[in-house]
Amino acid sequence: VQQSLTTPTIAIDCRGCGHSDLGDQDEFTSDALVADVKSVVDSHPLLQKKRFVLVGHSMGGRIAMCYAAKHPEDISALVIED
């Protein structure tokens, strides 16, 4: 799907989801997942110093809401789908 979009997109495979390992269960928290997303945002050239639309589905929706609350300066729009 990403290849057919006209706007650049980035899909994050959060820890414990998809192909990513869970890691230490004690570190599987909303705050840790928000920090993971922030790390991607700060290091990815498409996202650095740019506001972006953040989309979250299911648990990703919760993480997206937490991210937007903690880093509102990064977000131009928030889409939650469940």
C-alpha atoms as a PDB file:
ATOM      1  CA  VAL A   1       0.000   0.000   0.000  1.00  0.00           C
ATOM      2  CA  GLN A   2       2.770   2.444   0.896  1.00  0.00           C
ATOM      3  CA  GLN A   3       4.212   2.295  -2.616  1.00  0.00           C
ATOM      4  CA  SER A   4       0.903   3.436  -4.123  1.00  0.00           C
ATOM      5  CA  LEU A   5       0.596   6.559  -1.953  1.00  0.00           C
ATOM      6  CA  THR A   6       1.571   9.934  -3.370  1.00  0.00           C
ATOM      7  CA  THR A   7       2.664  11.291   0.009  1.00  0.00           C
ATOM      8  CA  PRO A   8       5.756   9.833   1.681  1.00  0.00           C
ATOM      9  CA  THR A   9       4.798   7.516   4.549  1.00  0.00           C
ATOM     10  CA  ILE A  10       6.636   5.707   7.293  1.00  0.00           C
ATOM     11  CA  ALA A  11       5.293   2.614   9.060  1.00  0.00           C
ATOM     12  CA  ILE A  12       6.771   1.809  12.443  1.00  0.00           C
ATOM     13  CA  ASP A  13       6.846  -1.783  13.662  1.00  0.00           C
ATOM     14  CA  CYS A  14       6.660  -1.172  17.419  1.00  0.00           C
ATOM     15  CA  ARG A  15       8.365  -3.497  19.859  1.00  0.00           C
ATOM     16  CA  GLY A  16       6.296  -6.571  20.554  1.00  0.00           C
ATOM     17  CA  CYS A  17       4.301  -6.144  17.343  1.00  0.00           C
ATOM     18  CA  GLY A  18       4.778  -7.517  13.845  1.00  0.00           C
ATOM     19  CA  HIS A  19       8.379  -8.561  13.327  1.00  0.00           C
ATOM     20  CA  SER A  20       9.831  -6.698  16.334  1.00  0.00           C
ATOM     21  CA  ASP A  21      10.842  -8.531  19.484  1.00  0.00           C
ATOM     22  CA  LEU A  22       9.097  -7.632  22.721  1.00  0.00           C
ATOM     23  CA  GLY A  23      12.348  -7.193  24.605  1.00  0.00           C
ATOM     24  CA  ASP A  24      12.232  -6.879  28.386  1.00  0.00           C
ATOM     25  CA  GLN A  25       8.598  -7.199  29.503  1.00  0.00           C
ATOM     26  CA  ASP A  26       9.209  -4.696  32.303  1.00  0.00           C
ATOM     27  CA  GLU A  27      10.049  -2.090  29.644  1.00  0.00           C
ATOM     28  CA  PHE A  28       6.907  -2.724  27.560  1.00  0.00           C
ATOM     29  CA  THR A  29       5.091   0.439  28.638  1.00  0.00           C
ATOM     30  CA  SER A  30       3.297   3.260  26.867  1.00  0.00           C
ATOM     31  CA  ASP A  31       6.123   5.620  27.827  1.00  0.00           C
ATOM     32  CA  ALA A  32       8.733   3.276  26.334  1.00  0.00           C
ATOM     33  CA  LEU A  33       6.748   2.914  23.095  1.00  0.00           C
ATOM     34  CA  VAL A  34       6.304   6.697  22.858  1.00  0.00           C
ATOM     35  CA  ALA A  35      10.069   7.052  23.333  1.00  0.00           C
ATOM     36  CA  ASP A  36      10.609   4.524  20.517  1.00  0.00           C
ATOM     37  CA  VAL A  37       8.406   6.588  18.188  1.00  0.00           C
ATOM     38  CA  LYS A  38      10.189   9.803  19.211  1.00  0.00           C
ATOM     39  CA  SER A  39      13.513   8.144  18.408  1.00  0.00           C
ATOM     40  CA  VAL A  40      12.299   7.353  14.884  1.00  0.00           C
ATOM     41  CA  VAL A  41      10.942  10.893  14.460  1.00  0.00           C
ATOM     42  CA  ASP A  42      14.213  12.478  15.590  1.00  0.00           C
ATOM     43  CA  SER A  43      16.358  10.270  13.359  1.00  0.00           C
ATOM     44  CA  HIS A  44      14.316  10.006  10.148  1.00  0.00           C
ATOM     45  CA  PRO A  45      15.082  12.669   7.486  1.00  0.00           C
ATOM     46  CA  LEU A  46      11.422  12.902   6.392  1.00  0.00           C
ATOM     47  CA  LEU A  47      10.326  13.788   9.920  1.00  0.00           C
ATOM     48  CA  GLN A  48      13.091  15.941  11.333  1.00  0.00           C
ATOM     49  CA  LYS A  49      11.841  19.439  12.172  1.00  0.00           C
ATOM     50  CA  LYS A  50       8.580  18.846  10.300  1.00  0.00           C
ATOM     51  CA  ARG A  51       5.040  18.452  11.580  1.00  0.00           C
ATOM     52  CA  PHE A  52       3.366  15.265  10.409  1.00  0.00           C
ATOM     53  CA  VAL A  53       0.100  13.349  10.492  1.00  0.00           C
ATOM     54  CA  LEU A  54       0.264  10.513  13.005  1.00  0.00           C
ATOM     55  CA  VAL A  55      -2.046   7.552  12.449  1.00  0.00           C
ATOM     56  CA  GLY A  56      -2.566   4.812  15.008  1.00  0.00           C
ATOM     57  CA  HIS A  57      -4.632   1.629  14.951  1.00  0.00           C
ATOM     58  CA  SER A  58      -5.658  -0.425  17.980  1.00  0.00           C
ATOM     59  CA  MET A  59      -2.804  -0.259  20.528  1.00  0.00           C
ATOM     60  CA  GLY A  60      -0.992   2.007  18.079  1.00  0.00           C
ATOM     61  CA  GLY A  61      -3.890   4.424  18.537  1.00  0.00           C
ATOM     62  CA  ARG A  62      -3.188   4.584  22.251  1.00  0.00           C
ATOM     63  CA  ILE A  63       0.510   5.136  21.590  1.00  0.00           C
ATOM     64  CA  ALA A  64      -0.323   7.822  19.013  1.00  0.00           C
ATOM     65  CA  MET A  65      -2.537   9.640  21.523  1.00  0.00           C
ATOM     66  CA  CYS A  66       0.178   9.455  24.183  1.00  0.00           C
ATOM     67  CA  TYR A  67       2.767  10.665  21.667  1.00  0.00           C
ATOM     68  CA  ALA A  68       0.587  13.604  20.606  1.00  0.00           C
ATOM     69  CA  ALA A  69       0.010  14.576  24.251  1.00  0.00           C
ATOM     70  CA  LYS A  70       3.730  14.473  25.017  1.00  0.00           C
ATOM     71  CA  HIS A  71       4.995  15.993  21.733  1.00  0.00           C
ATOM     72  CA  PRO A  72       2.222  18.238  20.340  1.00  0.00           C
ATOM     73  CA  GLU A  73       4.796  20.354  18.518  1.00  0.00           C
ATOM     74  CA  ASP A  74       5.481  17.413  16.164  1.00  0.00           C
ATOM     75  CA  ILE A  75       1.898  16.718  15.120  1.00  0.00           C
ATOM     76  CA  SER A  76      -0.159  18.453  12.426  1.00  0.00           C
ATOM     77  CA  ALA A  77      -3.039  15.951  12.736  1.00  0.00           C
ATOM     78  CA  LEU A  78      -3.854  12.818  14.693  1.00  0.00           C
ATOM     79  CA  VAL A  79      -5.905   9.946  13.247  1.00  0.00           C
ATOM     80  CA  ILE A  80      -7.061   7.114  15.510  1.00  0.00           C
ATOM     81  CA  GLU A  81      -8.616   4.063  13.848  1.00  0.00           C
ATOM     82  CA  ASP A  82      -9.900   0.988  15.585  1.00  0.00           C
END
